[in-house]
Amino acid sequence: MKAYSALEAHFGRIGRLAAIEGLLHWDTETVLPAGAAADRGEQLAALRTLLHELETAPQLPEWLDRADDEALDDWQRANVQEMRRRVWHQRAVPAPLVAALARAGTECVVAWREARARDDFAALLPRLEGVVALVRERAAAKAEVLRLEPYDALLDEFEPGLAAVRVDEVFDALASFLPGMIAAVIERQQAQPPPRPWAVSFPLATQRVLAQRVMAVLGFDFQRGRLDPSAHPFCSGGGDDVRITARWREESFVEGLQAVAHETGHALYEQGLPAAWRFQPVGQARGMALHETNRC
């Protein structure tokens, strides 16, 4: 078997298992009973450890080097590039830390959901501190191997090649004009009559119907996705199974509708990815900058 063919089969398995992992995360944030948090943490730790083993398999560097000498088209070469980048990142983190983060992150999400309902941040704080400590450990491990600053090592996962120095430049540019623009907007608003307050509440079921109609108008394919409630809006999955969530309040439909429009932008991006490369690294979103600006 040619090296590229072996790589494509190997990473195809990784992609399918990662999709299962995504479904478990969706379930965790939507319908998982609070008492099942520890079990779900163990499930995700086991799956994440298996994925880590596959992504750091000892034969991958040799296959990647051999694939560079094969006759590949542009898509295949880009796929090899993304494979190499994933191996590079995953080999920097020890497997026990990968499992620990999966457990701690899952239990923290469920604890946050309960603490938020009670407005009790103190109850969440110990678990949150545990997650932050593990993320810092992960950043240090990546920084040492990738020869980057710790924050840059984490940032590179979400937007390849982006560094904190560039982020600072962007925010410095925003800081140069935003205060004046905000002051001008406030001054203009103060000169206008106040907006009319909503005098009625909007049933959650009605808001959900409106949200689904807006999603359909924007182009969301309900044969390949769904909408559900959650404590915080998010988009999960990809390809033929893209799921978004929203949070509604009876006293104001704007909050839920804005969340739906935002998450539908993410969903349309995922539903529009090339089907021919599904489950391959090159067929997935490469970074979050374009994802977050791909708005309806």
Protein backbone atom coordinates (compact mmCIF):
# COMPACT_ATOMS: atom_id res chain seq x y z
CA MET A 1 0.00 0.00 0.00
CA LYS A 2 1.26 3.45 -0.84
CA ALA A 3 2.04 5.68 2.12
CA TYR A 4 -0.66 8.21 1.22
CA SER A 5 -3.34 5.53 0.96
CA ALA A 6 -2.34 4.19 4.38
CA LEU A 7 -2.47 7.70 5.84
CA GLU A 8 -5.89 8.40 4.37
CA ALA A 9 -7.30 5.17 5.82
CA HIS A 10 -5.70 5.88 9.21
CA PHE A 11 -6.96 9.44 9.45
CA GLY A 12 -10.37 8.42 8.14
CA ARG A 13 -10.70 6.22 11.21
CA ILE A 14 -9.59 9.12 13.40
CA GLY A 15 -12.18 11.40 11.80
CA ARG A 16 -15.03 8.97 12.40
CA LEU A 17 -14.05 8.44 16.04
CA ALA A 18 -13.73 12.22 16.51
CA ALA A 19 -17.29 12.59 15.22
CA ILE A 20 -18.46 10.17 17.92
CA GLU A 21 -16.56 12.22 20.48
CA GLY A 22 -18.41 15.31 19.24
CA LEU A 23 -21.76 13.62 19.78
CA LEU A 24 -20.79 12.76 23.35
CA HIS A 25 -19.89 16.41 23.97
CA TRP A 26 -23.23 17.53 22.50
CA ASP A 27 -25.08 15.07 24.74
CA THR A 28 -23.09 16.30 27.76
CA GLU A 29 -24.17 19.90 27.22
CA THR A 30 -27.79 19.25 26.36
CA VAL A 31 -29.37 16.24 28.09
CA LEU A 32 -26.79 14.46 30.26
CA PRO A 33 -28.08 13.92 33.85
CA ALA A 34 -25.88 15.69 36.40
CA GLY A 35 -25.20 12.41 38.21
CA ALA A 36 -23.66 10.93 35.06
CA ALA A 37 -20.85 13.49 34.79
CA ALA A 38 -18.16 11.20 36.20
CA ASP A 39 -19.15 8.32 33.91
CA ARG A 40 -19.18 10.60 30.88
CA GLY A 41 -15.78 11.92 31.88
CA GLU A 42 -14.41 8.36 31.88
CA GLN A 43 -16.01 7.65 28.50
CA LEU A 44 -14.50 10.75 26.94
CA ALA A 45 -11.14 10.12 28.58
CA ALA A 46 -11.05 6.62 27.08
CA LEU A 47 -12.07 7.87 23.63
CA ARG A 48 -9.71 10.85 23.71
CA THR A 49 -6.85 8.54 24.79
CA LEU A 50 -7.59 6.20 21.86
CA LEU A 51 -7.61 9.15 19.47
CA HIS A 52 -4.33 10.37 20.92
CA GLU A 53 -2.79 6.93 20.38
CA LEU A 54 -3.92 6.94 16.77
CA GLU A 55 -2.73 10.51 16.18
CA THR A 56 0.71 9.72 17.61
CA ALA A 57 1.12 6.23 16.13
CA PRO A 58 4.86 5.49 15.64
CA GLN A 59 4.52 4.72 11.93
CA LEU A 60 3.02 8.09 11.02
CA PRO A 61 6.27 10.12 10.62
CA GLU A 62 7.62 7.53 8.16
CA TRP A 63 4.37 7.42 6.20
CA LEU A 64 4.27 11.21 6.04
CA ASP A 65 7.84 11.39 4.73
CA ARG A 66 7.17 8.70 2.13
CA ALA A 67 3.97 10.41 1.02
CA ASP A 68 5.97 13.54 0.19
CA ASP A 69 7.71 11.56 -2.59
CA GLU A 70 4.48 10.21 -4.11
CA ALA A 71 2.55 11.70 -7.03
CA LEU A 72 -0.27 13.52 -5.23
CA ASP A 73 -2.73 16.16 -6.36
CA ASP A 74 -3.13 19.50 -4.60
CA TRP A 75 -5.89 18.28 -2.27
CA GLN A 76 -3.89 15.24 -1.24
CA ARG A 77 -0.78 17.31 -0.56
CA ALA A 78 -2.83 19.71 1.54
CA ASN A 79 -4.24 16.71 3.39
CA VAL A 80 -0.72 15.47 4.16
CA GLN A 81 0.20 18.93 5.41
CA GLU A 82 -2.77 18.94 7.80
CA MET A 83 -1.98 15.38 8.94
CA ARG A 84 1.59 16.37 9.74
CA ARG A 85 0.40 19.39 11.70
CA ARG A 86 -1.95 17.25 13.80
CA VAL A 87 0.75 14.70 14.55
CA TRP A 88 3.09 17.56 15.47
CA HIS A 89 0.59 18.95 17.98
CA GLN A 90 -0.53 15.66 19.48
CA ARG A 91 2.96 14.28 20.04
CA ALA A 92 3.68 17.28 22.25
CA VAL A 93 1.12 16.25 24.90
CA PRO A 94 1.48 13.12 27.09
CA ALA A 95 -1.46 10.70 27.05
CA PRO A 96 -2.17 10.91 30.82
CA LEU A 97 -2.65 14.67 30.51
CA VAL A 98 -5.01 14.16 27.56
CA ALA A 99 -7.18 11.84 29.67
CA ALA A 100 -7.07 14.11 32.72
CA LEU A 101 -8.29 17.07 30.68
CA ALA A 102 -11.17 15.05 29.25
CA ARG A 103 -12.32 14.03 32.72
CA ALA A 104 -11.88 17.44 34.32
CA GLY A 105 -13.46 19.32 31.43
CA THR A 106 -16.55 17.13 31.35
CA GLU A 107 -17.18 17.33 35.07
CA CYS A 108 -16.57 21.09 35.02
CA VAL A 109 -19.16 21.63 32.27
CA VAL A 110 -21.83 19.77 34.23
CA ALA A 111 -20.87 21.56 37.47
CA TRP A 112 -21.07 24.92 35.66
CA ARG A 113 -24.56 24.09 34.40
CA GLU A 114 -25.77 23.47 37.95
CA ALA A 115 -23.88 26.40 39.49
CA ARG A 116 -25.21 28.76 36.83
CA ALA A 117 -28.79 27.81 37.63
CA ARG A 118 -28.14 28.70 41.29
CA ASP A 119 -25.95 31.72 40.51
CA ASP A 120 -23.30 30.05 42.68
CA PHE A 121 -19.85 30.69 41.20
CA ALA A 122 -18.13 29.57 44.40
CA ALA A 123 -19.41 26.03 43.81
CA LEU A 124 -17.81 25.98 40.36
CA LEU A 125 -14.50 27.59 41.27
CA PRO A 126 -12.56 24.48 42.43
CA ARG A 127 -13.36 22.53 39.25
CA LEU A 128 -12.61 25.55 37.07
CA GLU A 129 -9.26 26.04 38.80
CA GLY A 130 -8.47 22.38 38.15
CA VAL A 131 -9.19 22.74 34.43
CA VAL A 132 -7.12 25.92 34.17
CA ALA A 133 -4.17 24.21 35.86
CA LEU A 134 -4.34 21.30 33.40
CA VAL A 135 -4.60 23.65 30.41
CA ARG A 136 -1.51 25.51 31.62
CA GLU A 137 0.30 22.20 31.92
CA ARG A 138 -0.76 21.35 28.37
CA ALA A 139 0.40 24.77 27.14
CA ALA A 140 3.80 24.27 28.75
CA ALA A 141 4.18 20.83 27.19
CA LYS A 142 3.27 22.12 23.74
CA ALA A 143 5.47 25.19 24.09
CA GLU A 144 8.53 23.08 24.86
CA VAL A 145 8.08 20.74 21.90
CA LEU A 146 6.74 23.24 19.36
CA ARG A 147 9.23 25.94 20.42
CA LEU A 148 6.52 28.53 20.89
CA GLU A 149 5.36 30.70 23.76
CA PRO A 150 2.72 28.82 25.82
CA TYR A 151 -0.18 31.01 24.67
CA ASP A 152 0.98 30.83 21.06
CA ALA A 153 1.14 27.03 21.29
CA LEU A 154 -2.52 26.92 22.33
CA LEU A 155 -3.55 29.63 19.86
CA ASP A 156 -2.02 27.67 16.98
CA GLU A 157 -4.57 24.90 17.56
CA PHE A 158 -7.43 27.26 16.78
CA GLU A 159 -5.83 29.43 14.11
CA PRO A 160 -2.67 27.97 12.55
CA GLY A 161 0.19 30.43 12.34
CA LEU A 162 -1.48 33.13 14.41
CA ALA A 163 0.57 34.49 17.31
CA ALA A 164 -0.23 36.73 20.26
CA VAL A 165 1.84 39.56 18.80
CA ARG A 166 -0.53 39.72 15.80
CA VAL A 167 -3.57 39.57 18.08
CA ASP A 168 -2.15 42.52 20.02
CA GLU A 169 -1.78 44.48 16.79
CA VAL A 170 -5.43 43.85 15.90
CA PHE A 171 -6.67 44.90 19.34
CA ASP A 172 -4.41 47.98 19.37
CA ALA A 173 -6.00 49.05 16.08
CA LEU A 174 -9.48 48.53 17.53
CA ALA A 175 -8.56 50.47 20.67
CA SER A 176 -7.55 53.45 18.53
CA PHE A 177 -11.04 54.11 17.17
CA LEU A 178 -13.59 52.14 19.20
CA PRO A 179 -13.83 54.51 22.22
CA GLY A 180 -14.64 57.46 19.98
CA MET A 181 -17.10 55.48 17.92
CA ILE A 182 -18.86 54.16 21.02
CA ALA A 183 -19.13 57.67 22.45
CA ALA A 184 -20.64 58.93 19.19
CA VAL A 185 -23.17 56.08 19.13
CA ILE A 186 -24.20 56.72 22.75
CA GLU A 187 -24.60 60.43 22.05
CA ARG A 188 -26.80 59.72 19.03
CA GLN A 189 -28.91 57.21 20.96
CA GLN A 190 -29.44 59.67 23.80
CA ALA A 191 -30.80 62.19 21.30
CA GLN A 192 -33.42 59.70 20.09
CA PRO A 193 -36.68 58.70 21.81
CA PRO A 194 -36.17 55.62 24.00
CA PRO A 195 -37.15 52.31 22.38
CA ARG A 196 -40.57 50.95 23.22
CA PRO A 197 -40.33 48.24 25.90
CA TRP A 198 -41.74 44.81 25.16
CA ALA A 199 -45.12 44.65 26.82
CA VAL A 200 -45.71 40.94 26.28
CA SER A 201 -43.87 37.70 26.84
CA PHE A 202 -43.16 35.24 24.06
CA PRO A 203 -43.76 31.52 24.77
CA LEU A 204 -40.61 29.46 24.36
CA ALA A 205 -42.34 27.09 21.93
CA THR A 206 -43.26 30.04 19.70
CA GLN A 207 -39.69 31.35 19.82
CA ARG A 208 -38.39 27.95 18.78
CA VAL A 209 -40.71 27.89 15.75
CA LEU A 210 -39.53 31.39 14.77
CA ALA A 211 -35.91 30.29 15.18
CA GLN A 212 -36.41 27.27 12.93
CA ARG A 213 -38.05 29.44 10.26
CA VAL A 214 -35.12 31.86 10.35
CA MET A 215 -32.67 28.97 10.09
CA ALA A 216 -34.51 27.62 7.07
CA VAL A 217 -34.49 31.02 5.35
CA LEU A 218 -30.75 31.28 5.94
CA GLY A 219 -30.23 27.91 4.29
CA PHE A 220 -29.86 25.44 7.17
CA ASP A 221 -30.62 21.86 6.07
CA PHE A 222 -32.80 20.23 8.73
CA GLN A 223 -32.32 16.86 7.05
CA ARG A 224 -28.67 17.14 8.14
CA GLY A 225 -28.98 18.95 11.45
CA ARG A 226 -31.15 19.98 14.38
CA LEU A 227 -31.81 22.70 16.96
CA ASP A 228 -31.96 22.07 20.72
CA PRO A 229 -31.91 24.12 23.95
CA SER A 230 -28.82 24.33 26.15
CA ALA A 231 -27.44 26.47 28.96
CA HIS A 232 -25.13 28.20 26.47
CA PRO A 233 -25.51 28.31 22.66
CA PHE A 234 -23.02 26.31 20.56
CA CYS A 235 -22.59 24.48 17.25
CA SER A 236 -21.39 20.88 17.15
CA GLY A 237 -20.72 18.23 14.54
CA GLY A 238 -20.17 18.55 10.84
CA GLY A 239 -21.09 17.25 7.40
CA ASP A 240 -24.42 15.45 7.54
CA ASP A 241 -24.92 15.85 11.30
CA VAL A 242 -24.61 19.47 12.41
CA ARG A 243 -26.32 20.42 15.67
CA ILE A 244 -26.82 23.88 17.12
CA THR A 245 -28.31 25.00 20.41
CA ALA A 246 -29.81 28.20 21.77
CA ARG A 247 -31.09 29.65 25.01
CA TRP A 248 -34.48 31.37 25.13
CA ARG A 249 -36.20 33.66 27.63
CA GLU A 250 -39.92 34.38 27.60
CA GLU A 251 -39.48 38.07 28.40
CA SER A 252 -37.29 38.70 25.33
CA PHE A 253 -37.05 36.80 22.07
CA VAL A 254 -34.02 38.81 20.89
CA GLU A 255 -31.46 36.88 22.93
CA GLY A 256 -32.47 33.51 21.55
CA LEU A 257 -32.88 34.75 17.98
CA GLN A 258 -29.44 36.36 17.95
CA ALA A 259 -27.89 33.15 19.24
CA VAL A 260 -29.65 31.09 16.58
CA ALA A 261 -28.49 33.40 13.78
CA HIS A 262 -24.92 33.27 15.09
CA GLU A 263 -24.81 29.50 15.46
CA THR A 264 -26.53 29.01 12.09
CA GLY A 265 -23.53 30.78 10.55
CA HIS A 266 -21.27 28.13 12.07
CA ALA A 267 -23.64 25.38 10.96
CA LEU A 268 -23.75 26.58 7.35
CA TYR A 269 -19.96 26.62 7.29
CA GLU A 270 -19.89 23.00 8.49
CA GLN A 271 -22.67 21.85 6.15
CA GLY A 272 -20.78 23.46 3.26
CA LEU A 273 -17.48 21.68 3.80
CA PRO A 274 -16.37 19.38 0.89
CA ALA A 275 -18.21 16.07 1.22
CA ALA A 276 -15.55 14.27 -0.82
CA TRP A 277 -13.03 14.91 1.98
CA ARG A 278 -15.27 14.19 4.96
CA PHE A 279 -13.42 12.69 7.95
CA GLN A 280 -10.07 13.76 6.45
CA PRO A 281 -8.10 16.65 8.01
CA VAL A 282 -8.23 18.70 4.81
CA GLY A 283 -12.04 18.43 4.76
CA GLN A 284 -12.46 20.09 8.16
CA ALA A 285 -12.33 23.71 9.26
CA ARG A 286 -8.69 24.69 9.53
CA GLY A 287 -9.12 27.58 11.93
CA MET A 288 -11.67 29.60 13.87
CA ALA A 289 -11.03 33.11 12.45
CA LEU A 290 -12.98 32.50 9.23
CA HIS A 291 -15.48 30.33 11.12
CA GLU A 292 -16.32 33.19 13.47
CA THR A 293 -16.58 35.76 10.66
CA ASN A 294 -18.75 33.49 8.47
CA ARG A 295 -21.94 35.14 9.64
CA CYS A 296 -25.40 35.31 8.13
